[in-house]
Amino acid sequence: MHPVLAAKARAIVRACGSHVVSARRHTRVAGTRRMSLHARGLAVDLRGNPRCIYARLKGWRGGYSVDYRRVDHAHVSGPGGREDGLRFVHRGGRHAAPRYVHRAGRVRLAEHRSRL
């Protein structure tokens, strides 16, 4: 796992009593041919108190999901990856809602061929 991401995950686990539900795994992003950031050690999923988790992610250079209630975890990716600086909702299932992303004060609908 990326050392900066590992340190952030450890800090959140310690501060919030959270636990890692998914770290390194060898899978593709659902519905795509693209390898998951988890497969490259660049993402981790955390479960715990979402308020505490998101408070610790404030100012995080990497990306993270903002739909904890929907998916029951926070996806956190390390800095420098394709989700760098993004705040997003998961997309999934056949009838998924559009995926919105937030970067530097702007919100936009993510395109299918985007960096996500």
PDB file of N, CA and C in Angstrom:
ATOM      1  N   MET A   1       0.849  -1.176   0.000  1.00  0.00           N
ATOM      2  CA  MET A   1       0.000   0.000   0.000  1.00  0.00           C
ATOM      3  C   MET A   1       0.895   1.240   0.000  1.00  0.00           C
ATOM      4  N   HIS A   2       0.435   2.273  -0.668  1.00  0.00           N
ATOM      5  CA  HIS A   2       1.148   3.546  -0.725  1.00  0.00           C
ATOM      6  C   HIS A   2       1.396   4.030   0.706  1.00  0.00           C
ATOM      7  N   PRO A   3       2.640   4.414   1.056  1.00  0.00           N
ATOM      8  CA  PRO A   3       2.949   4.766   2.445  1.00  0.00           C
ATOM      9  C   PRO A   3       2.143   5.943   3.003  1.00  0.00           C
ATOM     10  N   VAL A   4       1.872   6.960   2.193  1.00  0.00           N
ATOM     11  CA  VAL A   4       1.093   8.107   2.667  1.00  0.00           C
ATOM     12  C   VAL A   4      -0.346   7.678   2.955  1.00  0.00           C
ATOM     13  N   LEU A   5      -0.908   6.849   2.074  1.00  0.00           N
ATOM     14  CA  LEU A   5      -2.267   6.336   2.274  1.00  0.00           C
ATOM     15  C   LEU A   5      -2.322   5.437   3.506  1.00  0.00           C
ATOM     16  N   ALA A   6      -1.321   4.575   3.672  1.00  0.00           N
ATOM     17  CA  ALA A   6      -1.282   3.678   4.832  1.00  0.00           C
ATOM     18  C   ALA A   6      -1.225   4.475   6.130  1.00  0.00           C
ATOM     19  N   ALA A   7      -0.424   5.536   6.151  1.00  0.00           N
ATOM     20  CA  ALA A   7      -0.324   6.374   7.350  1.00  0.00           C
ATOM     21  C   ALA A   7      -1.660   7.055   7.645  1.00  0.00           C
ATOM     22  N   LYS A   8      -2.335   7.534   6.606  1.00  0.00           N
ATOM     23  CA  LYS A   8      -3.633   8.197   6.787  1.00  0.00           C
ATOM     24  C   LYS A   8      -4.666   7.201   7.318  1.00  0.00           C
ATOM     25  N   ALA A   9      -4.695   6.000   6.738  1.00  0.00           N
ATOM     26  CA  ALA A   9      -5.641   4.973   7.187  1.00  0.00           C
ATOM     27  C   ALA A   9      -5.384   4.607   8.651  1.00  0.00           C
ATOM     28  N   ARG A  10      -4.112   4.437   9.021  1.00  0.00           N
ATOM     29  CA  ARG A  10      -3.776   4.121  10.417  1.00  0.00           C
ATOM     30  C   ARG A  10      -4.234   5.231  11.360  1.00  0.00           C
ATOM     31  N   ALA A  11      -4.025   6.488  10.952  1.00  0.00           N
ATOM     32  CA  ALA A  11      -4.420   7.623  11.789  1.00  0.00           C
ATOM     33  C   ALA A  11      -5.937   7.653  11.983  1.00  0.00           C
ATOM     34  N   ILE A  12      -6.685   7.379  10.925  1.00  0.00           N
ATOM     35  CA  ILE A  12      -8.153   7.370  11.027  1.00  0.00           C
ATOM     36  C   ILE A  12      -8.621   6.218  11.906  1.00  0.00           C
ATOM     37  N   VAL A  13      -8.029   5.047  11.727  1.00  0.00           N
ATOM     38  CA  VAL A  13      -8.390   3.881  12.545  1.00  0.00           C
ATOM     39  C   VAL A  13      -8.140   4.185  14.022  1.00  0.00           C
ATOM     40  N   ARG A  14      -6.970   4.763  14.316  1.00  0.00           N
ATOM     41  CA  ARG A  14      -6.636   5.101  15.709  1.00  0.00           C
ATOM     42  C   ARG A  14      -7.587   6.145  16.286  1.00  0.00           C
ATOM     43  N   ALA A  15      -7.825   7.211  15.547  1.00  0.00           N
ATOM     44  CA  ALA A  15      -8.621   8.333  16.060  1.00  0.00           C
ATOM     45  C   ALA A  15     -10.112   8.023  16.134  1.00  0.00           C
ATOM     46  N   CYS A  16     -10.608   7.234  15.188  1.00  0.00           N
ATOM     47  CA  CYS A  16     -12.059   7.044  15.063  1.00  0.00           C
ATOM     48  C   CYS A  16     -12.545   5.672  15.499  1.00  0.00           C
ATOM     49  N   GLY A  17     -11.632   4.762  15.785  1.00  0.00           N
ATOM     50  CA  GLY A  17     -12.052   3.400  16.102  1.00  0.00           C
ATOM     51  C   GLY A  17     -12.610   2.686  14.886  1.00  0.00           C
ATOM     52  N   SER A  18     -12.249   3.161  13.713  1.00  0.00           N
ATOM     53  CA  SER A  18     -12.708   2.565  12.450  1.00  0.00           C
ATOM     54  C   SER A  18     -11.930   1.296  12.164  1.00  0.00           C
ATOM     55  N   HIS A  19     -12.332   0.587  11.124  1.00  0.00           N
ATOM     56  CA  HIS A  19     -11.547  -0.552  10.681  1.00  0.00           C
ATOM     57  C   HIS A  19     -11.551  -0.619   9.158  1.00  0.00           C
ATOM     58  N   VAL A  20     -10.498  -1.219   8.639  1.00  0.00           N
ATOM     59  CA  VAL A  20     -10.335  -1.366   7.195  1.00  0.00           C
ATOM     60  C   VAL A  20     -11.185  -2.543   6.744  1.00  0.00           C
ATOM     61  N   VAL A  21     -12.058  -2.321   5.764  1.00  0.00           N
ATOM     62  CA  VAL A  21     -12.892  -3.406   5.247  1.00  0.00           C
ATOM     63  C   VAL A  21     -12.384  -3.903   3.903  1.00  0.00           C
ATOM     64  N   SER A  22     -11.547  -3.129   3.250  1.00  0.00           N
ATOM     65  CA  SER A  22     -10.951  -3.568   1.993  1.00  0.00           C
ATOM     66  C   SER A  22      -9.700  -2.746   1.747  1.00  0.00           C
ATOM     67  N   ALA A  23      -8.618  -3.435   1.489  1.00  0.00           N
ATOM     68  CA  ALA A  23      -7.374  -2.743   1.167  1.00  0.00           C
ATOM     69  C   ALA A  23      -6.901  -3.259  -0.185  1.00  0.00           C
ATOM     70  N   ARG A  24      -5.870  -4.058  -0.196  1.00  0.00           N
ATOM     71  CA  ARG A  24      -5.350  -4.556  -1.465  1.00  0.00           C
ATOM     72  C   ARG A  24      -6.153  -5.766  -1.916  1.00  0.00           C
ATOM     73  N   ARG A  25      -6.655  -5.696  -3.132  1.00  0.00           N
ATOM     74  CA  ARG A  25      -7.367  -6.824  -3.730  1.00  0.00           C
ATOM     75  C   ARG A  25      -7.121  -6.786  -5.229  1.00  0.00           C
ATOM     76  N   HIS A  26      -7.273  -7.892  -5.870  1.00  0.00           N
ATOM     77  CA  HIS A  26      -6.949  -8.002  -7.296  1.00  0.00           C
ATOM     78  C   HIS A  26      -8.225  -8.064  -8.115  1.00  0.00           C
ATOM     79  N   THR A  27      -8.861  -6.915  -8.270  1.00  0.00           N
ATOM     80  CA  THR A  27     -10.120  -6.870  -9.009  1.00  0.00           C
ATOM     81  C   THR A  27     -10.154  -5.660  -9.930  1.00  0.00           C
ATOM     82  N   ARG A  28     -11.107  -5.697 -10.817  1.00  0.00           N
ATOM     83  CA  ARG A  28     -11.336  -4.570 -11.721  1.00  0.00           C
ATOM     84  C   ARG A  28     -12.485  -3.723 -11.179  1.00  0.00           C
ATOM     85  N   VAL A  29     -12.553  -2.487 -11.647  1.00  0.00           N
ATOM     86  CA  VAL A  29     -13.669  -1.612 -11.310  1.00  0.00           C
ATOM     87  C   VAL A  29     -14.912  -2.211 -11.949  1.00  0.00           C
ATOM     88  N   ALA A  30     -15.986  -2.342 -11.192  1.00  0.00           N
ATOM     89  CA  ALA A  30     -17.217  -2.960 -11.695  1.00  0.00           C
ATOM     90  C   ALA A  30     -17.681  -2.299 -12.987  1.00  0.00           C
ATOM     91  N   GLY A  31     -17.964  -3.118 -13.975  1.00  0.00           N
ATOM     92  CA  GLY A  31     -18.481  -2.635 -15.246  1.00  0.00           C
ATOM     93  C   GLY A  31     -17.444  -2.044 -16.181  1.00  0.00           C
ATOM     94  N   THR A  32     -16.158  -2.169 -15.833  1.00  0.00           N
ATOM     95  CA  THR A  32     -15.092  -1.629 -16.685  1.00  0.00           C
ATOM     96  C   THR A  32     -13.989  -2.665 -16.858  1.00  0.00           C
ATOM     97  N   ARG A  33     -13.042  -2.346 -17.685  1.00  0.00           N
ATOM     98  CA  ARG A  33     -11.848  -3.192 -17.842  1.00  0.00           C
ATOM     99  C   ARG A  33     -10.677  -2.654 -17.028  1.00  0.00           C
ATOM    100  N   ARG A  34     -10.894  -1.541 -16.360  1.00  0.00           N
ATOM    101  CA  ARG A  34      -9.826  -0.863 -15.627  1.00  0.00           C
ATOM    102  C   ARG A  34      -9.572  -1.550 -14.282  1.00  0.00           C
ATOM    103  N   MET A  35      -8.302  -1.738 -13.956  1.00  0.00           N
ATOM    104  CA  MET A  35      -7.956  -2.328 -12.664  1.00  0.00           C
ATOM    105  C   MET A  35      -8.295  -1.349 -11.540  1.00  0.00           C
ATOM    106  N   SER A  36      -8.779  -1.880 -10.457  1.00  0.00           N
ATOM    107  CA  SER A  36      -9.132  -1.093  -9.283  1.00  0.00           C
ATOM    108  C   SER A  36      -7.885  -0.453  -8.679  1.00  0.00           C
ATOM    109  N   LEU A  37      -8.065   0.708  -8.067  1.00  0.00           N
ATOM    110  CA  LEU A  37      -6.953   1.317  -7.330  1.00  0.00           C
ATOM    111  C   LEU A  37      -6.548   0.425  -6.158  1.00  0.00           C
ATOM    112  N   HIS A  38      -7.477  -0.373  -5.655  1.00  0.00           N
ATOM    113  CA  HIS A  38      -7.157  -1.328  -4.590  1.00  0.00           C
ATOM    114  C   HIS A  38      -6.117  -2.333  -5.083  1.00  0.00           C
ATOM    115  N   ALA A  39      -6.212  -2.753  -6.332  1.00  0.00           N
ATOM    116  CA  ALA A  39      -5.289  -3.748  -6.883  1.00  0.00           C
ATOM    117  C   ALA A  39      -3.866  -3.213  -6.936  1.00  0.00           C
ATOM    118  N   ARG A  40      -3.730  -1.903  -7.039  1.00  0.00           N
ATOM    119  CA  ARG A  40      -2.404  -1.282  -7.093  1.00  0.00           C
ATOM    120  C   ARG A  40      -1.957  -0.760  -5.727  1.00  0.00           C
ATOM    121  N   GLY A  41      -2.745  -1.025  -4.692  1.00  0.00           N
ATOM    122  CA  GLY A  41      -2.390  -0.558  -3.355  1.00  0.00           C
ATOM    123  C   GLY A  41      -2.573   0.936  -3.177  1.00  0.00           C
ATOM    124  N   LEU A  42      -3.461   1.527  -3.967  1.00  0.00           N
ATOM    125  CA  LEU A  42      -3.659   2.975  -3.931  1.00  0.00           C
ATOM    126  C   LEU A  42      -5.008   3.386  -3.348  1.00  0.00           C
ATOM    127  N   ALA A  43      -5.745   2.446  -2.758  1.00  0.00           N
ATOM    128  CA  ALA A  43      -7.042   2.782  -2.163  1.00  0.00           C
ATOM    129  C   ALA A  43      -7.345   1.847  -1.000  1.00  0.00           C
ATOM    130  N   VAL A  44      -8.160   2.355  -0.089  1.00  0.00           N
ATOM    131  CA  VAL A  44      -8.589   1.584   1.072  1.00  0.00           C
ATOM    132  C   VAL A  44     -10.035   1.973   1.381  1.00  0.00           C
ATOM    133  N   ASP A  45     -10.817   1.017   1.863  1.00  0.00           N
ATOM    134  CA  ASP A  45     -12.192   1.282   2.286  1.00  0.00           C
ATOM    135  C   ASP A  45     -12.245   1.178   3.806  1.00  0.00           C
ATOM    136  N   LEU A  46     -12.852   2.176   4.437  1.00  0.00           N
ATOM    137  CA  LEU A  46     -12.931   2.236   5.894  1.00  0.00           C
ATOM    138  C   LEU A  46     -14.378   2.246   6.352  1.00  0.00           C
ATOM    139  N   ARG A  47     -14.627   1.564   7.450  1.00  0.00           N
ATOM    140  CA  ARG A  47     -15.959   1.555   8.054  1.00  0.00           C
ATOM    141  C   ARG A  47     -15.809   2.008   9.507  1.00  0.00           C
ATOM    142  N   GLY A  48     -16.735   2.819   9.954  1.00  0.00           N
ATOM    143  CA  GLY A  48     -16.704   3.343  11.319  1.00  0.00           C
ATOM    144  C   GLY A  48     -17.628   4.535  11.411  1.00  0.00           C
ATOM    145  N   ASN A  49     -17.307   5.459  12.280  1.00  0.00           N
ATOM    146  CA  ASN A  49     -18.104   6.672  12.446  1.00  0.00           C
ATOM    147  C   ASN A  49     -17.819   7.612  11.270  1.00  0.00           C
ATOM    148  N   PRO A  50     -18.785   7.783  10.350  1.00  0.00           N
ATOM    149  CA  PRO A  50     -18.512   8.597   9.164  1.00  0.00           C
ATOM    150  C   PRO A  50     -18.165  10.048   9.491  1.00  0.00           C
ATOM    151  N   ARG A  51     -18.770  10.593  10.516  1.00  0.00           N
ATOM    152  CA  ARG A  51     -18.465  11.980  10.888  1.00  0.00           C
ATOM    153  C   ARG A  51     -16.993  12.124  11.265  1.00  0.00           C
ATOM    154  N   CYS A  52     -16.500  11.182  12.029  1.00  0.00           N
ATOM    155  CA  CYS A  52     -15.099  11.194  12.445  1.00  0.00           C
ATOM    156  C   CYS A  52     -14.177  10.955  11.245  1.00  0.00           C
ATOM    157  N   ILE A  53     -14.525   9.985  10.412  1.00  0.00           N
ATOM    158  CA  ILE A  53     -13.701   9.677   9.234  1.00  0.00           C
ATOM    159  C   ILE A  53     -13.585  10.905   8.335  1.00  0.00           C
ATOM    160  N   TYR A  54     -14.715  11.524   7.999  1.00  0.00           N
ATOM    161  CA  TYR A  54     -14.684  12.680   7.094  1.00  0.00           C
ATOM    162  C   TYR A  54     -13.996  13.884   7.726  1.00  0.00           C
ATOM    163  N   ALA A  55     -14.087  14.033   9.042  1.00  0.00           N
ATOM    164  CA  ALA A  55     -13.365  15.123   9.710  1.00  0.00           C
ATOM    165  C   ALA A  55     -11.861  14.942   9.538  1.00  0.00           C
ATOM    166  N   ARG A  56     -11.390  13.694   9.581  1.00  0.00           N
ATOM    167  CA  ARG A  56      -9.960  13.403   9.422  1.00  0.00           C
ATOM    168  C   ARG A  56      -9.514  13.503   7.964  1.00  0.00           C
ATOM    169  N   LEU A  57     -10.466  13.449   7.034  1.00  0.00           N
ATOM    170  CA  LEU A  57     -10.127  13.544   5.607  1.00  0.00           C
ATOM    171  C   LEU A  57     -10.154  14.980   5.085  1.00  0.00           C
ATOM    172  N   LYS A  58     -10.597  15.912   5.900  1.00  0.00           N
ATOM    173  CA  LYS A  58     -10.646  17.311   5.468  1.00  0.00           C
ATOM    174  C   LYS A  58      -9.238  17.759   5.053  1.00  0.00           C
ATOM    175  N   GLY A  59      -9.126  18.280   3.850  1.00  0.00           N
ATOM    176  CA  GLY A  59      -7.836  18.727   3.337  1.00  0.00           C
ATOM    177  C   GLY A  59      -6.983  17.624   2.723  1.00  0.00           C
ATOM    178  N   TRP A  60      -7.491  16.397   2.686  1.00  0.00           N
ATOM    179  CA  TRP A  60      -6.755  15.256   2.119  1.00  0.00           C
ATOM    180  C   TRP A  60      -6.508  15.488   0.632  1.00  0.00           C
ATOM    181  N   ARG A  61      -5.264  15.324   0.199  1.00  0.00           N
ATOM    182  CA  ARG A  61      -4.900  15.563  -1.205  1.00  0.00           C
ATOM    183  C   ARG A  61      -5.421  14.479  -2.133  1.00  0.00           C
ATOM    184  N   GLY A  62      -5.579  13.288  -1.628  1.00  0.00           N
ATOM    185  CA  GLY A  62      -6.103  12.198  -2.454  1.00  0.00           C
ATOM    186  C   GLY A  62      -7.607  12.335  -2.617  1.00  0.00           C
ATOM    187  N   GLY A  63      -8.237  11.294  -3.114  1.00  0.00           N
ATOM    188  CA  GLY A  63      -9.681  11.324  -3.312  1.00  0.00           C
ATOM    189  C   GLY A  63     -10.411  10.535  -2.247  1.00  0.00           C
ATOM    190  N   TYR A  64     -11.708  10.798  -2.127  1.00  0.00           N
ATOM    191  CA  TYR A  64     -12.532   9.969  -1.246  1.00  0.00           C
ATOM    192  C   TYR A  64     -13.999  10.093  -1.610  1.00  0.00           C
ATOM    193  N   SER A  65     -14.735   9.028  -1.278  1.00  0.00           N
ATOM    194  CA  SER A  65     -16.174   9.006  -1.549  1.00  0.00           C
ATOM    195  C   SER A  65     -16.906   9.803  -0.479  1.00  0.00           C
ATOM    196  N   VAL A  66     -18.072  10.325  -0.842  1.00  0.00           N
ATOM    197  CA  VAL A  66     -18.858  11.130   0.098  1.00  0.00           C
ATOM    198  C   VAL A  66     -20.263  10.553   0.298  1.00  0.00           C
ATOM    199  N   ASP A  67     -20.431   9.279  -0.023  1.00  0.00           N
ATOM    200  CA  ASP A  67     -21.754   8.639   0.086  1.00  0.00           C
ATOM    201  C   ASP A  67     -21.734   7.453   1.046  1.00  0.00           C
ATOM    202  N   TYR A  68     -21.163   7.677   2.235  1.00  0.00           N
ATOM    203  CA  TYR A  68     -21.012   6.612   3.223  1.00  0.00           C
ATOM    204  C   TYR A  68     -22.338   5.909   3.516  1.00  0.00           C
ATOM    205  N   ARG A  69     -23.407   6.665   3.697  1.00  0.00           N
ATOM    206  CA  ARG A  69     -24.708   6.052   4.041  1.00  0.00           C
ATOM    207  C   ARG A  69     -25.174   5.067   2.981  1.00  0.00           C
ATOM    208  N   ARG A  70     -24.885   5.357   1.735  1.00  0.00           N
ATOM    209  CA  ARG A  70     -25.340   4.499   0.634  1.00  0.00           C
ATOM    210  C   ARG A  70     -24.556   3.191   0.557  1.00  0.00           C
ATOM    211  N   VAL A  71     -23.238   3.256   0.761  1.00  0.00           N
ATOM    212  CA  VAL A  71     -22.392   2.078   0.548  1.00  0.00           C
ATOM    213  C   VAL A  71     -21.800   1.504   1.832  1.00  0.00           C
ATOM    214  N   ASP A  72     -22.033   2.152   2.972  1.00  0.00           N
ATOM    215  CA  ASP A  72     -21.588   1.671   4.279  1.00  0.00           C
ATOM    216  C   ASP A  72     -20.069   1.601   4.428  1.00  0.00           C
ATOM    217  N   HIS A  73     -19.360   2.459   3.707  1.00  0.00           N
ATOM    218  CA  HIS A  73     -17.921   2.602   3.892  1.00  0.00           C
ATOM    219  C   HIS A  73     -17.462   3.895   3.224  1.00  0.00           C
ATOM    220  N   ALA A  74     -16.271   4.321   3.583  1.00  0.00           N
ATOM    221  CA  ALA A  74     -15.646   5.462   2.912  1.00  0.00           C
ATOM    222  C   ALA A  74     -14.483   4.917   2.095  1.00  0.00           C
ATOM    223  N   HIS A  75     -14.490   5.176   0.803  1.00  0.00           N
ATOM    224  CA  HIS A  75     -13.390   4.790  -0.086  1.00  0.00           C
ATOM    225  C   HIS A  75     -12.400   5.948  -0.066  1.00  0.00           C
ATOM    226  N   VAL A  76     -11.139   5.656   0.241  1.00  0.00           N
ATOM    227  CA  VAL A  76     -10.103   6.684   0.308  1.00  0.00           C
ATOM    228  C   VAL A  76      -8.973   6.268  -0.616  1.00  0.00           C
ATOM    229  N   SER A  77      -8.574   7.166  -1.521  1.00  0.00           N
ATOM    230  CA  SER A  77      -7.466   6.860  -2.422  1.00  0.00           C
ATOM    231  C   SER A  77      -6.298   7.790  -2.133  1.00  0.00           C
ATOM    232  N   GLY A  78      -5.116   7.279  -2.398  1.00  0.00           N
ATOM    233  CA  GLY A  78      -3.902   8.027  -2.119  1.00  0.00           C
ATOM    234  C   GLY A  78      -3.686   9.188  -3.069  1.00  0.00           C
ATOM    235  N   PRO A  79      -2.844  10.129  -2.669  1.00  0.00           N
ATOM    236  CA  PRO A  79      -2.557  11.274  -3.524  1.00  0.00           C
ATOM    237  C   PRO A  79      -1.772  10.854  -4.766  1.00  0.00           C
ATOM    238  N   GLY A  80      -2.008  11.579  -5.857  1.00  0.00           N
ATOM    239  CA  GLY A  80      -1.269  11.328  -7.086  1.00  0.00           C
ATOM    240  C   GLY A  80      -1.935  10.367  -8.047  1.00  0.00           C
ATOM    241  N   GLY A  81      -3.069   9.785  -7.670  1.00  0.00           N
ATOM    242  CA  GLY A  81      -3.761   8.830  -8.535  1.00  0.00           C
ATOM    243  C   GLY A  81      -4.837   9.481  -9.374  1.00  0.00           C
ATOM    244  N   ARG A  82      -5.599   8.667 -10.075  1.00  0.00           N
ATOM    245  CA  ARG A  82      -6.630   9.199 -10.970  1.00  0.00           C
ATOM    246  C   ARG A  82      -7.787   9.862 -10.223  1.00  0.00           C
ATOM    247  N   GLU A  83      -7.916   9.602  -8.917  1.00  0.00           N
ATOM    248  CA  GLU A  83      -8.964  10.244  -8.115  1.00  0.00           C
ATOM    249  C   GLU A  83      -8.414  11.416  -7.301  1.00  0.00           C
ATOM    250  N   ASP A  84      -7.211  11.827  -7.581  1.00  0.00           N
ATOM    251  CA  ASP A  84      -6.539  12.872  -6.819  1.00  0.00           C
ATOM    252  C   ASP A  84      -7.411  14.116  -6.676  1.00  0.00           C
ATOM    253  N   GLY A  85      -7.705  14.498  -5.450  1.00  0.00           N
ATOM    254  CA  GLY A  85      -8.485  15.692  -5.173  1.00  0.00           C
ATOM    255  C   GLY A  85      -9.976  15.563  -5.395  1.00  0.00           C
ATOM    256  N   LEU A  86     -10.462  14.394  -5.813  1.00  0.00           N
ATOM    257  CA  LEU A  86     -11.889  14.231  -6.103  1.00  0.00           C
ATOM    258  C   LEU A  86     -12.681  13.864  -4.853  1.00  0.00           C
ATOM    259  N   ARG A  87     -13.898  14.362  -4.774  1.00  0.00           N
ATOM    260  CA  ARG A  87     -14.885  13.976  -3.776  1.00  0.00           C
ATOM    261  C   ARG A  87     -16.054  13.455  -4.583  1.00  0.00           C
ATOM    262  N   PHE A  88     -16.387  12.181  -4.454  1.00  0.00           N
ATOM    263  CA  PHE A  88     -17.318  11.555  -5.393  1.00  0.00           C
ATOM    264  C   PHE A  88     -18.285  10.610  -4.714  1.00  0.00           C
ATOM    265  N   VAL A  89     -19.320  10.228  -5.453  1.00  0.00           N
ATOM    266  CA  VAL A  89     -20.248   9.190  -5.018  1.00  0.00           C
ATOM    267  C   VAL A  89     -19.984   7.950  -5.863  1.00  0.00           C
ATOM    268  N   HIS A  90     -20.197   6.795  -5.252  1.00  0.00           N
ATOM    269  CA  HIS A  90     -20.017   5.538  -5.970  1.00  0.00           C
ATOM    270  C   HIS A  90     -21.056   5.408  -7.070  1.00  0.00           C
ATOM    271  N   ARG A  91     -20.664   4.776  -8.105  1.00  0.00           N
ATOM    272  CA  ARG A  91     -21.579   4.434  -9.181  1.00  0.00           C
ATOM    273  C   ARG A  91     -21.604   2.916  -9.182  1.00  0.00           C
ATOM    274  N   GLY A  92     -22.733   2.313  -9.397  1.00  0.00           N
ATOM    275  CA  GLY A  92     -22.758   0.866  -9.385  1.00  0.00           C
ATOM    276  C   GLY A  92     -24.128   0.329  -9.693  1.00  0.00           C
ATOM    277  N   GLY A  93     -24.156  -0.900 -10.118  1.00  0.00           N
ATOM    278  CA  GLY A  93     -25.417  -1.528 -10.477  1.00  0.00           C
ATOM    279  C   GLY A  93     -25.875  -1.100 -11.855  1.00  0.00           C
ATOM    280  N   ARG A  94     -26.843  -1.801 -12.392  1.00  0.00           N
ATOM    281  CA  ARG A  94     -27.337  -1.511 -13.739  1.00  0.00           C
ATOM    282  C   ARG A  94     -28.059  -0.179 -13.820  1.00  0.00           C
ATOM    283  N   HIS A  95     -28.719   0.210 -12.756  1.00  0.00           N
ATOM    284  CA  HIS A  95     -29.532   1.427 -12.784  1.00  0.00           C
ATOM    285  C   HIS A  95     -28.913   2.496 -11.891  1.00  0.00           C
ATOM    286  N   ALA A  96     -27.624   2.653 -12.008  1.00  0.00           N
ATOM    287  CA  ALA A  96     -26.906   3.573 -11.135  1.00  0.00           C
ATOM    288  C   ALA A  96     -27.248   5.026 -11.435  1.00  0.00           C
ATOM    289  N   ALA A  97     -27.202   5.801 -10.389  1.00  0.00           N
ATOM    290  CA  ALA A  97     -27.395   7.248 -10.538  1.00  0.00           C
ATOM    291  C   ALA A  97     -26.145   7.849 -11.162  1.00  0.00           C
ATOM    292  N   PRO A  98     -26.255   9.045 -11.727  1.00  0.00           N
ATOM    293  CA  PRO A  98     -25.061   9.695 -12.272  1.00  0.00           C
ATOM    294  C   PRO A  98     -24.012   9.887 -11.183  1.00  0.00           C
ATOM    295  N   ARG A  99     -22.764   9.902 -11.571  1.00  0.00           N
ATOM    296  CA  ARG A  99     -21.678  10.073 -10.616  1.00  0.00           C
ATOM    297  C   ARG A  99     -21.222  11.525 -10.657  1.00  0.00           C
ATOM    298  N   TYR A 100     -21.350  12.211  -9.544  1.00  0.00           N
ATOM    299  CA  TYR A 100     -20.930  13.603  -9.458  1.00  0.00           C
ATOM    300  C   TYR A 100     -19.609  13.676  -8.722  1.00  0.00           C
ATOM    301  N   VAL A 101     -18.773  14.579  -9.157  1.00  0.00           N
ATOM    302  CA  VAL A 101     -17.482  14.765  -8.514  1.00  0.00           C
ATOM    303  C   VAL A 101     -17.322  16.228  -8.133  1.00  0.00           C
ATOM    304  N   HIS A 102     -16.493  16.457  -7.148  1.00  0.00           N
ATOM    305  CA  HIS A 102     -16.225  17.801  -6.655  1.00  0.00           C
ATOM    306  C   HIS A 102     -14.718  17.972  -6.617  1.00  0.00           C
ATOM    307  N   ARG A 103     -14.242  19.036  -7.209  1.00  0.00           N
ATOM    308  CA  ARG A 103     -12.816  19.327  -7.158  1.00  0.00           C
ATOM    309  C   ARG A 103     -12.660  20.842  -7.114  1.00  0.00           C
ATOM    310  N   ALA A 104     -11.923  21.319  -6.168  1.00  0.00           N
ATOM    311  CA  ALA A 104     -11.581  22.739  -6.061  1.00  0.00           C
ATOM    312  C   ALA A 104     -12.807  23.646  -6.170  1.00  0.00           C
ATOM    313  N   GLY A 105     -13.854  23.317  -5.424  1.00  0.00           N
ATOM    314  CA  GLY A 105     -15.011  24.187  -5.363  1.00  0.00           C
ATOM    315  C   GLY A 105     -15.992  24.068  -6.509  1.00  0.00           C
ATOM    316  N   ARG A 106     -15.748  23.149  -7.449  1.00  0.00           N
ATOM    317  CA  ARG A 106     -16.665  22.979  -8.581  1.00  0.00           C
ATOM    318  C   ARG A 106     -17.268  21.586  -8.533  1.00  0.00           C
ATOM    319  N   VAL A 107     -18.515  21.479  -8.919  1.00  0.00           N
ATOM    320  CA  VAL A 107     -19.185  20.181  -8.997  1.00  0.00           C
ATOM    321  C   VAL A 107     -19.544  19.942 -10.443  1.00  0.00           C
ATOM    322  N   ARG A 108     -19.317  18.740 -10.929  1.00  0.00           N
ATOM    323  CA  ARG A 108     -19.656  18.419 -12.311  1.00  0.00           C
ATOM    324  C   ARG A 108     -20.106  16.978 -12.400  1.00  0.00           C
ATOM    325  N   LEU A 109     -20.819  16.661 -13.470  1.00  0.00           N
ATOM    326  CA  LEU A 109     -21.216  15.289 -13.746  1.00  0.00           C
ATOM    327  C   LEU A 109     -20.023  14.599 -14.379  1.00  0.00           C
ATOM    328  N   ALA A 110     -19.601  13.489 -13.812  1.00  0.00           N
ATOM    329  CA  ALA A 110     -18.450  12.769 -14.353  1.00  0.00           C
ATOM    330  C   ALA A 110     -18.829  12.114 -15.672  1.00  0.00           C
ATOM    331  N   GLU A 111     -17.998  12.287 -16.667  1.00  0.00           N
ATOM    332  CA  GLU A 111     -18.233  11.654 -17.957  1.00  0.00           C
ATOM    333  C   GLU A 111     -17.761  10.217 -17.896  1.00  0.00           C
ATOM    334  N   HIS A 112     -18.307   9.393 -18.767  1.00  0.00           N
ATOM    335  CA  HIS A 112     -17.955   7.976 -18.783  1.00  0.00           C
ATOM    336  C   HIS A 112     -16.468   7.766 -19.034  1.00  0.00           C
ATOM    337  N   ARG A 113     -15.863   8.578 -19.849  1.00  0.00           N
ATOM    338  CA  ARG A 113     -14.454   8.415 -20.190  1.00  0.00           C
ATOM    339  C   ARG A 113     -13.552   9.289 -19.327  1.00  0.00           C
ATOM    340  N   SER A 114     -14.068   9.803 -18.227  1.00  0.00           N
ATOM    341  CA  SER A 114     -13.292  10.698 -17.376  1.00  0.00           C
ATOM    342  C   SER A 114     -12.220   9.929 -16.619  1.00  0.00           C
ATOM    343  N   ARG A 115     -11.462  10.654 -15.825  1.00  0.00           N
ATOM    344  CA  ARG A 115     -10.387  10.064 -15.032  1.00  0.00           C
ATOM    345  C   ARG A 115     -10.907   9.158 -13.941  1.00  0.00           C
ATOM    346  N   LEU A 116     -12.182   9.087 -13.742  1.00  0.00           N
ATOM    347  CA  LEU A 116     -12.758   8.231 -12.708  1.00  0.00           C
ATOM    348  C   LEU A 116     -12.860   6.842 -13.250  1.00  0.00           C
TER     349      LEU A 116
END
